[in-house]
Amino acid sequence: MTIPLWLFLAIDVGFIVASVLGVRTKKPSVVWFSIIANSIFFVLLSGLIFLLAIANGISEP
């Protein structure tokens, strides 16, 4: 169960990096899309990581 947690955490960090790279571009449409899409994906994946962490804590002694 800990492997998916670390994998999803790495993907979550990737969303942060993608958001930073999207904000640094010159096109306003890319900046807005990057902020909105990456923040939605970040929040959803962080919620999934939280639920997996709770499941991992319940299942292991």
C-alpha atoms as a PDB file:
ATOM      1  CA  MET A   1       0.000   0.000   0.000  1.00  0.00           C
ATOM      2  CA  THR A   2       2.905   2.388   0.532  1.00  0.00           C
ATOM      3  CA  ILE A   3       4.048   2.180  -3.102  1.00  0.00           C
ATOM      4  CA  PRO A   4       0.856   3.827  -4.439  1.00  0.00           C
ATOM      5  CA  LEU A   5       1.200   6.510  -1.761  1.00  0.00           C
ATOM      6  CA  TRP A   6       4.720   7.399  -2.890  1.00  0.00           C
ATOM      7  CA  LEU A   7       3.734   7.175  -6.545  1.00  0.00           C
ATOM      8  CA  PHE A   8       0.756   9.491  -6.092  1.00  0.00           C
ATOM      9  CA  LEU A   9       2.897  11.856  -4.038  1.00  0.00           C
ATOM     10  CA  ALA A  10       5.406  12.035  -6.908  1.00  0.00           C
ATOM     11  CA  ILE A  11       2.571  12.761  -9.352  1.00  0.00           C
ATOM     12  CA  ASP A  12       1.291  15.449  -6.968  1.00  0.00           C
ATOM     13  CA  VAL A  13       4.723  17.109  -6.985  1.00  0.00           C
ATOM     14  CA  GLY A  14       4.592  16.899 -10.785  1.00  0.00           C
ATOM     15  CA  PHE A  15       1.364  18.915 -10.762  1.00  0.00           C
ATOM     16  CA  ILE A  16       3.090  21.613  -8.728  1.00  0.00           C
ATOM     17  CA  VAL A  17       6.033  21.690 -11.156  1.00  0.00           C
ATOM     18  CA  ALA A  18       3.669  21.812 -14.153  1.00  0.00           C
ATOM     19  CA  SER A  19       1.770  24.669 -12.540  1.00  0.00           C
ATOM     20  CA  VAL A  20       4.960  26.659 -11.968  1.00  0.00           C
ATOM     21  CA  LEU A  21       6.121  26.063 -15.545  1.00  0.00           C
ATOM     22  CA  GLY A  22       2.689  27.042 -16.875  1.00  0.00           C
ATOM     23  CA  VAL A  23       2.677  30.302 -14.907  1.00  0.00           C
ATOM     24  CA  ARG A  24       6.087  31.245 -16.300  1.00  0.00           C
ATOM     25  CA  THR A  25       4.836  31.196 -19.917  1.00  0.00           C
ATOM     26  CA  LYS A  26       3.926  34.367 -21.810  1.00  0.00           C
ATOM     27  CA  LYS A  27       0.475  33.358 -23.074  1.00  0.00           C
ATOM     28  CA  PRO A  28      -2.361  34.309 -20.691  1.00  0.00           C
ATOM     29  CA  SER A  29      -4.599  31.446 -21.831  1.00  0.00           C
ATOM     30  CA  VAL A  30      -1.915  28.893 -20.987  1.00  0.00           C
ATOM     31  CA  VAL A  31      -1.365  30.519 -17.596  1.00  0.00           C
ATOM     32  CA  TRP A  32      -5.055  30.384 -16.681  1.00  0.00           C
ATOM     33  CA  PHE A  33      -5.479  26.835 -17.957  1.00  0.00           C
ATOM     34  CA  SER A  34      -2.388  25.720 -16.042  1.00  0.00           C
ATOM     35  CA  ILE A  35      -3.556  27.317 -12.804  1.00  0.00           C
ATOM     36  CA  ILE A  36      -7.101  25.960 -13.016  1.00  0.00           C
ATOM     37  CA  ALA A  37      -6.340  22.451 -14.295  1.00  0.00           C
ATOM     38  CA  ASN A  38      -3.335  21.780 -12.092  1.00  0.00           C
ATOM     39  CA  SER A  39      -5.043  23.081  -8.973  1.00  0.00           C
ATOM     40  CA  ILE A  40      -8.090  20.856  -9.592  1.00  0.00           C
ATOM     41  CA  PHE A  41      -5.905  17.805 -10.235  1.00  0.00           C
ATOM     42  CA  PHE A  42      -3.728  18.625  -7.229  1.00  0.00           C
ATOM     43  CA  VAL A  43      -6.709  18.867  -4.871  1.00  0.00           C
ATOM     44  CA  LEU A  44      -8.322  15.675  -6.173  1.00  0.00           C
ATOM     45  CA  LEU A  45      -5.113  13.658  -5.996  1.00  0.00           C
ATOM     46  CA  SER A  46      -4.297  15.044  -2.548  1.00  0.00           C
ATOM     47  CA  GLY A  47      -7.715  13.861  -1.373  1.00  0.00           C
ATOM     48  CA  LEU A  48      -7.033  10.422  -2.805  1.00  0.00           C
ATOM     49  CA  ILE A  49      -3.646  10.327  -1.099  1.00  0.00           C
ATOM     50  CA  PHE A  50      -5.301  11.273   2.193  1.00  0.00           C
ATOM     51  CA  LEU A  51      -7.871   8.493   1.834  1.00  0.00           C
ATOM     52  CA  LEU A  52      -5.158   5.965   0.932  1.00  0.00           C
ATOM     53  CA  ALA A  53      -3.118   7.054   3.931  1.00  0.00           C
ATOM     54  CA  ILE A  54      -6.141   6.535   6.191  1.00  0.00           C
ATOM     55  CA  ALA A  55      -6.745   3.093   4.638  1.00  0.00           C
ATOM     56  CA  ASN A  56      -3.080   2.247   5.133  1.00  0.00           C
ATOM     57  CA  GLY A  57      -3.236   3.314   8.767  1.00  0.00           C
ATOM     58  CA  ILE A  58      -6.369   1.277   9.430  1.00  0.00           C
ATOM     59  CA  SER A  59      -5.128  -1.877   7.711  1.00  0.00           C
ATOM     60  CA  GLU A  60      -1.664  -2.024   9.292  1.00  0.00           C
ATOM     61  CA  PRO A  61      -1.118  -2.460  13.017  1.00  0.00           C
END
